[in-house]
């Protein structure tokens, strides 16, 4: 089970795969994660267990970000203002690990989350147009015991994401969800 890195019912302002023209220069078929619209300094929690790696791209890319990896899955939480864990530190689901920000290539304060599935530490499906990233909303529970994909709040700009169609190698559906 993966939990949202933000408590409550966070607002998504850019969905997975949206705005392909903006992400083509980076080699992606669209946005390779989801963006939560939150103010700078919002506490962010580990969505799953793993080992943290702290990275800083400065004023470019993801800016200040943390990667959590457990050999089966990898989360990248990006555009942060501060990180309270160190590289190599074991983190556990629900641990407060960082604060949202506007670092790197960000057009406003938010939290970016990219999620990848690994096998023996190797990113799977790297040729899916998103560098192996998948839509994490399909597999994420809100802290209110709701589903991020169906129960999350979406801004008007992000709502078109809910109607997007992806090829089988680009998008994984959660087979355990009974909603059509």
Foldseek 3Di string as FASTA:
>chain_A
DFAFQAADFFEWAAFAQPDQVVCVVVQFSGHQWIKTDDAAFHWTWGRAKAFKAWDAPFQADQGTWIWGDDQFKIKIKGQFPFFDDHGRDIGGGGHGTGTWHHGHPRPHTIITMWMFGHHRNHGPLCVQRNRRTEGCQQPYAHPVRHGNLPPHHYDPNHVVVNVDDGDPSHYDHDPPDPDD
